[in-house]
C-alpha atoms as a PDB file:
ATOM      1  CA  MET A   1      -0.002  -0.062  -0.091  1.00  0.00           C
ATOM      2  CA  LYS A   2       1.346   3.285  -0.870  1.00  0.00           C
ATOM      3  CA  GLU A   3       2.916   4.955   2.110  1.00  0.00           C
ATOM      4  CA  PHE A   4       0.945   7.769   3.830  1.00  0.00           C
ATOM      5  CA  LYS A   5       2.376  10.065   6.419  1.00  0.00           C
ATOM      6  CA  LYS A   6       0.507  12.920   8.059  1.00  0.00           C
ATOM      7  CA  LEU A   7       2.299  16.080   8.469  1.00  0.00           C
ATOM      8  CA  ALA A   8       0.327  18.201   8.204  1.00  0.00           C
ATOM      9  CA  LEU A   9       0.457  21.685   5.832  1.00  0.00           C
ATOM     10  CA  ALA A  10      -2.019  24.824   5.626  1.00  0.00           C
ATOM     11  CA  ALA A  11      -3.251  25.753   2.087  1.00  0.00           C
ATOM     12  CA  ALA A  12      -4.557  29.336   1.318  1.00  0.00           C
ATOM     13  CA  VAL A  13      -6.898  30.667  -1.341  1.00  0.00           C
ATOM     14  CA  ALA A  14      -7.009  34.391  -1.748  1.00  0.00           C
ATOM     15  CA  ALA A  15      -9.544  36.564  -3.751  1.00  0.00           C
ATOM     16  CA  LEU A  16      -8.100  39.512  -5.408  1.00  0.00           C
ATOM     17  CA  PRO A  17      -9.653  42.255  -7.594  1.00  0.00           C
ATOM     18  CA  VAL A  18     -10.019  41.195 -11.235  1.00  0.00           C
ATOM     19  CA  SER A  19      -7.249  43.405 -12.344  1.00  0.00           C
ATOM     20  CA  GLY A  20      -4.899  41.511 -10.144  1.00  0.00           C
ATOM     21  CA  PHE A  21      -5.237  38.502 -12.363  1.00  0.00           C
ATOM     22  CA  ALA A  22      -3.866  40.154 -15.532  1.00  0.00           C
ATOM     23  CA  MET A  23      -1.992  37.447 -17.537  1.00  0.00           C
ATOM     24  CA  GLU A  24       1.402  39.257 -17.235  1.00  0.00           C
ATOM     25  CA  ALA A  25       4.336  39.185 -14.983  1.00  0.00           C
ATOM     26  CA  MET A  26       3.779  41.395 -11.941  1.00  0.00           C
ATOM     27  CA  ASP A  27       6.538  42.719  -9.574  1.00  0.00           C
ATOM     28  CA  ASP A  28       5.954  44.267  -6.178  1.00  0.00           C
ATOM     29  CA  ALA A  29       5.427  47.710  -7.676  1.00  0.00           C
ATOM     30  CA  ALA A  30       2.590  46.304  -9.796  1.00  0.00           C
ATOM     31  CA  LEU A  31       1.135  44.255  -7.155  1.00  0.00           C
ATOM     32  CA  SER A  32       1.065  47.501  -4.922  1.00  0.00           C
ATOM     33  CA  GLY A  33      -1.327  49.094  -7.528  1.00  0.00           C
ATOM     34  CA  VAL A  34      -3.858  46.231  -6.964  1.00  0.00           C
ATOM     35  CA  THR A  35      -3.485  45.639  -3.298  1.00  0.00           C
ATOM     36  CA  GLY A  36      -2.403  49.093  -1.974  1.00  0.00           C
ATOM     37  CA  GLN A  37       0.813  47.817  -0.543  1.00  0.00           C
ATOM     38  CA  ASP A  38       4.119  46.165  -1.671  1.00  0.00           C
ATOM     39  CA  GLY A  39       3.293  42.437  -1.732  1.00  0.00           C
ATOM     40  CA  ILE A  40       0.175  40.723  -0.360  1.00  0.00           C
ATOM     41  CA  THR A  41      -0.861  39.940   3.230  1.00  0.00           C
ATOM     42  CA  ILE A  42      -3.602  37.480   3.775  1.00  0.00           C
ATOM     43  CA  SER A  43      -5.134  36.632   7.237  1.00  0.00           C
ATOM     44  CA  LEU A  44      -7.006  33.520   7.731  1.00  0.00           C
ATOM     45  CA  GLY A  45      -9.316  33.439  10.522  1.00  0.00           C
ATOM     46  CA  ASN A  46     -11.700  30.656   9.496  1.00  0.00           C
ATOM     47  CA  ASP A  47     -11.707  27.247  11.201  1.00  0.00           C
ATOM     48  CA  ILE A  48     -11.661  24.140   8.885  1.00  0.00           C
ATOM     49  CA  ALA A  49     -13.410  20.763   9.079  1.00  0.00           C
ATOM     50  CA  ALA A  50     -12.971  17.989   6.593  1.00  0.00           C
ATOM     51  CA  ASP A  51     -12.561  14.317   5.906  1.00  0.00           C
ATOM     52  CA  ILE A  52      -9.702  13.166   3.789  1.00  0.00           C
ATOM     53  CA  ILE A  53      -9.540  10.006   1.652  1.00  0.00           C
ATOM     54  CA  VAL A  54      -6.505   8.615   0.014  1.00  0.00           C
ATOM     55  CA  HIS A  55      -7.300   5.916  -2.538  1.00  0.00           C
ATOM     56  CA  ASP A  56      -4.778   3.231  -3.051  1.00  0.00           C
ATOM     57  CA  THR A  57      -5.885   1.802  -6.507  1.00  0.00           C
ATOM     58  CA  ASP A  58      -3.642  -1.407  -6.483  1.00  0.00           C
ATOM     59  CA  GLY A  59      -3.505  -2.547  -3.032  1.00  0.00           C
ATOM     60  CA  PHE A  60      -0.637  -4.842  -1.932  1.00  0.00           C
ATOM     61  CA  ALA A  61       0.498  -8.464  -2.424  1.00  0.00           C
ATOM     62  CA  GLY A  62      -2.240 -10.952  -1.346  1.00  0.00           C
ATOM     63  CA  ALA A  63      -4.879  -7.923  -1.253  1.00  0.00           C
ATOM     64  CA  THR A  64      -4.602  -6.364  -4.761  1.00  0.00           C
ATOM     65  CA  ASN A  65      -8.178  -4.729  -4.796  1.00  0.00           C
ATOM     66  CA  SER A  66      -8.159  -1.011  -4.186  1.00  0.00           C
ATOM     67  CA  GLY A  67      -8.360   0.340  -0.623  1.00  0.00           C
ATOM     68  CA  ALA A  68      -8.811   3.649   1.129  1.00  0.00           C
ATOM     69  CA  ILE A  69      -7.064   5.381   3.874  1.00  0.00           C
ATOM     70  CA  ILE A  70      -9.507   7.913   5.619  1.00  0.00           C
ATOM     71  CA  ILE A  71      -8.634  10.656   7.941  1.00  0.00           C
ATOM     72  CA  SER A  72     -12.106  11.189   9.396  1.00  0.00           C
ATOM     73  CA  GLY A  73     -13.150  14.070  11.586  1.00  0.00           C
ATOM     74  CA  PHE A  74     -10.223  16.464  10.858  1.00  0.00           C
ATOM     75  CA  GLU A  75     -10.722  20.016  12.289  1.00  0.00           C
ATOM     76  CA  GLN A  76      -8.608  23.169  12.497  1.00  0.00           C
ATOM     77  CA  GLN A  77      -9.467  25.584  15.481  1.00  0.00           C
ATOM     78  CA  LEU A  78      -7.687  28.825  15.521  1.00  0.00           C
ATOM     79  CA  GLY A  79      -9.203  29.943  18.902  1.00  0.00           C
ATOM     80  CA  GLY A  80      -9.731  33.494  17.776  1.00  0.00           C
ATOM     81  CA  GLY A  81      -6.236  33.839  16.186  1.00  0.00           C
ATOM     82  CA  SER A  82      -5.520  33.815  12.585  1.00  0.00           C
ATOM     83  CA  ILE A  83      -3.068  32.353   9.982  1.00  0.00           C
ATOM     84  CA  ASP A  84      -1.026  35.174   8.672  1.00  0.00           C
ATOM     85  CA  ILE A  85       0.415  34.858   5.157  1.00  0.00           C
ATOM     86  CA  ASP A  86       2.898  37.486   3.654  1.00  0.00           C
ATOM     87  CA  ILE A  87       3.558  36.970  -0.052  1.00  0.00           C
ATOM     88  CA  ASP A  88       6.385  38.866  -2.029  1.00  0.00           C
ATOM     89  CA  SER A  89       8.265  38.535  -5.249  1.00  0.00           C
ATOM     90  CA  GLY A  90      11.842  39.537  -5.470  1.00  0.00           C
ATOM     91  CA  ASN A  91      15.028  39.235  -7.529  1.00  0.00           C
ATOM     92  CA  ASP A  92      18.659  39.938  -6.522  1.00  0.00           C
ATOM     93  CA  GLY A  93      19.824  40.828  -9.943  1.00  0.00           C
ATOM     94  CA  THR A  94      22.159  37.963 -10.288  1.00  0.00           C
ATOM     95  CA  ASN A  95      19.971  34.904  -9.679  1.00  0.00           C
ATOM     96  CA  GLY A  96      16.357  34.082 -10.545  1.00  0.00           C
ATOM     97  CA  THR A  97      13.185  35.582  -9.300  1.00  0.00           C
ATOM     98  CA  ALA A  98      11.512  34.000  -6.279  1.00  0.00           C
ATOM     99  CA  LEU A  99       8.019  33.874  -4.951  1.00  0.00           C
ATOM    100  CA  ASN A 100       8.332  34.141  -1.155  1.00  0.00           C
ATOM    101  CA  VAL A 101       5.628  33.044   1.176  1.00  0.00           C
ATOM    102  CA  GLY A 102       5.902  33.617   4.914  1.00  0.00           C
ATOM    103  CA  ILE A 103       3.336  31.836   7.056  1.00  0.00           C
ATOM    104  CA  THR A 104       2.727  32.558  10.778  1.00  0.00           C
ATOM    105  CA  LEU A 105       0.654  30.262  12.845  1.00  0.00           C
ATOM    106  CA  PRO A 106      -1.087  31.756  15.917  1.00  0.00           C
ATOM    107  CA  ASN A 107      -0.330  30.488  19.516  1.00  0.00           C
ATOM    108  CA  ASN A 108      -2.230  27.422  20.828  1.00  0.00           C
ATOM    109  CA  ILE A 109      -3.720  26.550  17.426  1.00  0.00           C
ATOM    110  CA  THR A 110      -5.584  23.192  17.816  1.00  0.00           C
ATOM    111  CA  LEU A 111      -5.768  20.538  15.161  1.00  0.00           C
ATOM    112  CA  ILE A 112      -8.366  17.783  15.893  1.00  0.00           C
ATOM    113  CA  LEU A 113      -6.524  15.135  13.826  1.00  0.00           C
ATOM    114  CA  GLY A 114      -9.449  12.820  13.980  1.00  0.00           C
ATOM    115  CA  ASP A 115      -9.259   8.914  13.207  1.00  0.00           C
ATOM    116  CA  ILE A 116      -7.242   7.022  10.547  1.00  0.00           C
ATOM    117  CA  GLN A 117      -9.770   4.415   8.957  1.00  0.00           C
ATOM    118  CA  VAL A 118      -9.431   1.962   6.148  1.00  0.00           C
ATOM    119  CA  ALA A 119     -12.233   1.149   3.911  1.00  0.00           C
ATOM    120  CA  ASP A 120     -13.152  -0.507   0.468  1.00  0.00           C
ATOM    121  CA  SER A 121     -12.282   2.145  -2.215  1.00  0.00           C
ATOM    122  CA  ASN A 122     -14.444   2.603  -5.192  1.00  0.00           C
ATOM    123  CA  ARG A 123     -11.526   3.799  -7.243  1.00  0.00           C
ATOM    124  CA  THR A 124      -9.555   1.645  -9.676  1.00  0.00           C
ATOM    125  CA  THR A 125      -6.255   1.752 -11.560  1.00  0.00           C
ATOM    126  CA  GLY A 126      -8.593   2.811 -14.512  1.00  0.00           C
ATOM    127  CA  GLY A 127     -10.430   5.438 -12.615  1.00  0.00           C
ATOM    128  CA  GLY A 128     -13.844   4.296 -11.381  1.00  0.00           C
ATOM    129  CA  SER A 129     -16.242   6.411  -9.193  1.00  0.00           C
ATOM    130  CA  TRP A 130     -15.268   8.302  -5.980  1.00  0.00           C
ATOM    131  CA  GLY A 131     -15.820   7.485  -2.285  1.00  0.00           C
ATOM    132  CA  THR A 132     -15.882   4.171  -0.421  1.00  0.00           C
ATOM    133  CA  THR A 133     -18.197   1.164   0.110  1.00  0.00           C
ATOM    134  CA  GLY A 134     -19.188  -0.507   3.372  1.00  0.00           C
ATOM    135  CA  THR A 135     -18.121   0.167   6.904  1.00  0.00           C
ATOM    136  CA  ALA A 136     -14.834   1.805   7.504  1.00  0.00           C
ATOM    137  CA  THR A 137     -12.554   0.223  10.227  1.00  0.00           C
ATOM    138  CA  THR A 138     -10.826   2.681  12.749  1.00  0.00           C
ATOM    139  CA  VAL A 139      -7.195   1.672  13.056  1.00  0.00           C
ATOM    140  CA  MET A 140      -5.738   4.765  14.802  1.00  0.00           C
ATOM    141  CA  GLU A 141      -7.137   7.520  16.882  1.00  0.00           C
ATOM    142  CA  LEU A 142      -4.891  10.534  16.240  1.00  0.00           C
ATOM    143  CA  GLY A 143      -6.105  12.690  18.993  1.00  0.00           C
ATOM    144  CA  THR A 144      -5.917  16.521  19.344  1.00  0.00           C
ATOM    145  CA  LEU A 145      -2.640  18.404  18.482  1.00  0.00           C
ATOM    146  CA  THR A 146      -1.651  21.806  19.994  1.00  0.00           C
ATOM    147  CA  LEU A 147       0.907  23.991  18.566  1.00  0.00           C
ATOM    148  CA  GLY A 148       2.453  27.203  19.870  1.00  0.00           C
ATOM    149  CA  THR A 149       3.329  30.184  17.674  1.00  0.00           C
ATOM    150  CA  THR A 150       5.092  28.756  14.667  1.00  0.00           C
ATOM    151  CA  ASN A 151       6.829  30.354  11.473  1.00  0.00           C
ATOM    152  CA  LEU A 152       7.693  28.763   8.167  1.00  0.00           C
ATOM    153  CA  ASN A 153       8.702  30.174   4.793  1.00  0.00           C
ATOM    154  CA  LEU A 154       8.001  28.914   1.304  1.00  0.00           C
ATOM    155  CA  GLN A 155       9.925  29.794  -1.759  1.00  0.00           C
ATOM    156  CA  LEU A 156       9.074  29.065  -5.392  1.00  0.00           C
ATOM    157  CA  GLY A 157      11.126  29.769  -8.357  1.00  0.00           C
ATOM    158  CA  TYR A 158      14.813  30.707  -7.446  1.00  0.00           C
ATOM    159  CA  GLU A 159      15.140  29.269  -3.647  1.00  0.00           C
ATOM    160  CA  TYR A 160      17.371  31.912  -1.981  1.00  0.00           C
ATOM    161  CA  GLN A 161      16.802  30.064   1.283  1.00  0.00           C
ATOM    162  CA  GLY A 162      18.344  26.823  -0.258  1.00  0.00           C
ATOM    163  CA  SER A 163      14.965  24.846  -0.095  1.00  0.00           C
ATOM    164  CA  MET A 164      11.336  25.087  -1.212  1.00  0.00           C
ATOM    165  CA  ILE A 165      10.005  25.151   2.570  1.00  0.00           C
ATOM    166  CA  ALA A 166      12.282  26.322   5.446  1.00  0.00           C
ATOM    167  CA  MET A 167      11.202  26.091   8.921  1.00  0.00           C
ATOM    168  CA  ASP A 168      13.671  27.615  11.420  1.00  0.00           C
ATOM    169  CA  THR A 169      11.757  28.475  14.514  1.00  0.00           C
ATOM    170  CA  VAL A 170      10.908  28.014  18.224  1.00  0.00           C
ATOM    171  CA  ILE A 171       7.471  26.451  18.751  1.00  0.00           C
ATOM    172  CA  THR A 172       6.122  28.147  22.037  1.00  0.00           C
ATOM    173  CA  ASN A 173       5.443  25.305  24.688  1.00  0.00           C
ATOM    174  CA  GLY A 174       6.449  22.705  22.172  1.00  0.00           C
ATOM    175  CA  ILE A 175       4.157  20.247  20.514  1.00  0.00           C
ATOM    176  CA  THR A 176       1.364  18.467  22.596  1.00  0.00           C
ATOM    177  CA  LEU A 177      -0.791  15.570  21.418  1.00  0.00           C
ATOM    178  CA  ASN A 178      -3.724  14.277  23.496  1.00  0.00           C
ATOM    179  CA  ASN A 179      -5.560  11.009  23.451  1.00  0.00           C
ATOM    180  CA  PHE A 180      -3.531   9.065  20.707  1.00  0.00           C
ATOM    181  CA  ALA A 181      -4.333   5.272  20.204  1.00  0.00           C
ATOM    182  CA  ILE A 182      -3.553   2.545  17.741  1.00  0.00           C
ATOM    183  CA  ASN A 183      -6.312  -0.091  17.609  1.00  0.00           C
ATOM    184  CA  ASP A 184      -6.052  -3.916  17.138  1.00  0.00           C
ATOM    185  CA  ALA A 185      -9.252  -4.131  15.101  1.00  0.00           C
ATOM    186  CA  ASP A 186      -9.219  -7.911  15.393  1.00  0.00           C
ATOM    187  CA  SER A 187      -8.400  -8.417  18.985  1.00  0.00           C
ATOM    188  CA  GLY A 188     -10.298  -5.565  20.320  1.00  0.00           C
ATOM    189  CA  GLY A 189      -7.470  -3.967  22.408  1.00  0.00           C
ATOM    190  CA  GLN A 190      -5.202  -0.781  21.977  1.00  0.00           C
ATOM    191  CA  ILE A 191      -2.147   0.982  22.677  1.00  0.00           C
ATOM    192  CA  SER A 192      -3.139   4.394  24.031  1.00  0.00           C
ATOM    193  CA  ILE A 193      -1.268   7.478  25.225  1.00  0.00           C
ATOM    194  CA  GLY A 194      -3.066  10.104  27.309  1.00  0.00           C
ATOM    195  CA  GLN A 195      -0.732  12.837  26.312  1.00  0.00           C
ATOM    196  CA  LEU A 196       2.523  13.067  24.257  1.00  0.00           C
ATOM    197  CA  SER A 197       4.671  16.157  24.443  1.00  0.00           C
ATOM    198  CA  LEU A 198       7.774  17.151  22.621  1.00  0.00           C
ATOM    199  CA  VAL A 199      10.093  19.826  23.820  1.00  0.00           C
ATOM    200  CA  ASP A 200      13.818  20.745  23.905  1.00  0.00           C
ATOM    201  CA  ASN A 201      15.836  18.803  26.281  1.00  0.00           C
ATOM    202  CA  GLY A 202      15.434  20.388  29.669  1.00  0.00           C
ATOM    203  CA  GLY A 203      13.413  23.177  28.135  1.00  0.00           C
ATOM    204  CA  ALA A 204       9.639  24.265  27.583  1.00  0.00           C
ATOM    205  CA  ASN A 205       9.747  25.160  24.000  1.00  0.00           C
ATOM    206  CA  LEU A 206      10.569  23.178  20.949  1.00  0.00           C
ATOM    207  CA  THR A 207      13.347  24.408  18.517  1.00  0.00           C
ATOM    208  CA  ILE A 208      12.957  23.245  14.862  1.00  0.00           C
ATOM    209  CA  ASP A 209      15.210  23.718  12.031  1.00  0.00           C
ATOM    210  CA  GLN A 210      14.206  21.671   8.796  1.00  0.00           C
ATOM    211  CA  THR A 211      13.775  22.060   5.151  1.00  0.00           C
ATOM    212  CA  ILE A 212      11.389  20.412   2.681  1.00  0.00           C
ATOM    213  CA  ASP A 213      12.099  19.878  -1.070  1.00  0.00           C
ATOM    214  CA  VAL A 214      10.284  17.899  -3.861  1.00  0.00           C
ATOM    215  CA  THR A 215      13.109  16.156  -5.434  1.00  0.00           C
ATOM    216  CA  THR A 216      13.101  13.806  -8.526  1.00  0.00           C
ATOM    217  CA  ASP A 217      13.036  10.894  -5.692  1.00  0.00           C
ATOM    218  CA  GLY A 218       9.950  12.203  -3.932  1.00  0.00           C
ATOM    219  CA  LEU A 219       9.173  14.533  -1.012  1.00  0.00           C
ATOM    220  CA  GLU A 220      12.363  15.106   0.940  1.00  0.00           C
ATOM    221  CA  ILE A 221      12.338  16.335   4.621  1.00  0.00           C
ATOM    222  CA  ASN A 222      15.641  17.235   5.987  1.00  0.00           C
ATOM    223  CA  VAL A 223      15.735  17.558   9.754  1.00  0.00           C
ATOM    224  CA  VAL A 224      18.722  19.901  10.572  1.00  0.00           C
ATOM    225  CA  GLN A 225      17.764  20.313  14.303  1.00  0.00           C
ATOM    226  CA  LEU A 226      14.978  19.189  16.502  1.00  0.00           C
ATOM    227  CA  GLY A 227      15.222  20.114  20.033  1.00  0.00           C
ATOM    228  CA  ASP A 228      18.278  21.578  21.726  1.00  0.00           C
ATOM    229  CA  ALA A 229      21.192  22.081  19.348  1.00  0.00           C
ATOM    230  CA  THR A 230      23.497  19.933  21.740  1.00  0.00           C
ATOM    231  CA  ASN A 231      21.207  17.525  23.554  1.00  0.00           C
ATOM    232  CA  GLY A 232      18.212  17.017  21.298  1.00  0.00           C
ATOM    233  CA  ALA A 233      14.671  16.714  22.520  1.00  0.00           C
ATOM    234  CA  ASP A 234      12.604  15.343  25.220  1.00  0.00           C
ATOM    235  CA  LEU A 235       9.666  12.989  24.312  1.00  0.00           C
ATOM    236  CA  ARG A 236       7.222  12.586  27.092  1.00  0.00           C
ATOM    237  CA  LEU A 237       4.287   9.919  27.075  1.00  0.00           C
ATOM    238  CA  ALA A 238       1.790  10.204  29.930  1.00  0.00           C
ATOM    239  CA  ASN A 239      -0.869   7.604  30.993  1.00  0.00           C
ATOM    240  CA  VAL A 240       0.296   4.801  28.674  1.00  0.00           C
ATOM    241  CA  ARG A 241      -2.219   1.923  28.443  1.00  0.00           C
ATOM    242  CA  LEU A 242      -2.157  -1.457  26.845  1.00  0.00           C
ATOM    243  CA  GLY A 243      -5.561  -3.255  26.279  1.00  0.00           C
ATOM    244  CA  ASP A 244      -9.090  -1.905  26.473  1.00  0.00           C
ATOM    245  CA  ASN A 245     -10.330   0.921  28.682  1.00  0.00           C
ATOM    246  CA  THR A 246     -10.739  -1.410  31.679  1.00  0.00           C
ATOM    247  CA  GLN A 247      -7.006  -1.912  31.982  1.00  0.00           C
ATOM    248  CA  ALA A 248      -4.711   0.228  34.259  1.00  0.00           C
ATOM    249  CA  ASP A 249      -2.128   2.404  32.777  1.00  0.00           C
ATOM    250  CA  ILE A 250       1.360   1.051  32.735  1.00  0.00           C
ATOM    251  CA  GLY A 251       2.657   4.378  33.772  1.00  0.00           C
ATOM    252  CA  ASP A 252       4.450   7.255  31.999  1.00  0.00           C
ATOM    253  CA  ILE A 253       7.459   7.066  29.604  1.00  0.00           C
ATOM    254  CA  GLU A 254      10.166   9.586  29.161  1.00  0.00           C
ATOM    255  CA  ILE A 255      12.656   9.575  26.320  1.00  0.00           C
ATOM    256  CA  THR A 256      15.465  12.258  26.776  1.00  0.00           C
ATOM    257  CA  ARG A 257      18.220  13.508  24.508  1.00  0.00           C
ATOM    258  CA  LEU A 258      16.294  12.310  21.461  1.00  0.00           C
ATOM    259  CA  ASP A 259      18.282  12.929  18.218  1.00  0.00           C
ATOM    260  CA  LEU A 260      16.094  12.747  14.979  1.00  0.00           C
ATOM    261  CA  THR A 261      18.241  14.579  12.698  1.00  0.00           C
ATOM    262  CA  GLY A 262      18.662  13.219   9.113  1.00  0.00           C
ATOM    263  CA  THR A 263      16.534  13.078   5.896  1.00  0.00           C
ATOM    264  CA  ILE A 264      13.083  11.378   5.479  1.00  0.00           C
ATOM    265  CA  THR A 265      12.030  10.681   1.925  1.00  0.00           C
ATOM    266  CA  ILE A 266       8.356  10.110   1.036  1.00  0.00           C
ATOM    267  CA  THR A 267       7.397   8.559  -2.265  1.00  0.00           C
ATOM    268  CA  GLY A 268       4.615   6.311  -3.827  1.00  0.00           C
ATOM    269  CA  HIS A 269       5.328   2.699  -4.906  1.00  0.00           C
END
């Protein structure tokens, strides 16, 4: 089955005056005539809710009919804040021109990640209809993710920052994930974690320096730094339980000085 990893990115759709869509190159000076400023600023204050279906049209060995991976019940809640997007275009006179998109996430943004389910897909290698058939089986409960203030930068065209997406920031209060579980659909039990948190080793925030590129081999994520520059990150798992809801927790687990630097490549197969 095709690999599927959540990571999660925000997408923005902006409405501009009709004159802003003229079919010609526009520099900052031209854009200022449309928007009243150099470059474009977009502030997104709307919450989002959706279900996401990924169709694997050729299955895997022994189960070659199409299947679907469903993220059910996804929600983005801004809590009164906004996602701010600054868009500019520039050229240093020597290299190519770049479209630069700076994205700032508000403090305490909440992502209800929903459940990962599997179901019978209606799609085939030849196309077919959309959607799924029958009852979906929940295999993971992704829980609720809380993020502090986060900044990332996207460049299209010439990449002055060296990569398409650069994220070099400190996430206030780190990353917190509540009520995560992996279900054993056949046996009825689960591995559940009441709360997962990721912060700098010995700290309260999370330092991230990573880049993302789309290479000829696929989506490439290069983790330059995750956590403290010297001692890495602390991963804390609270209320870990094995079995169903009647079982007692086995306790809390703490992983310290975690080093996750390196490259992750995501492709289809």
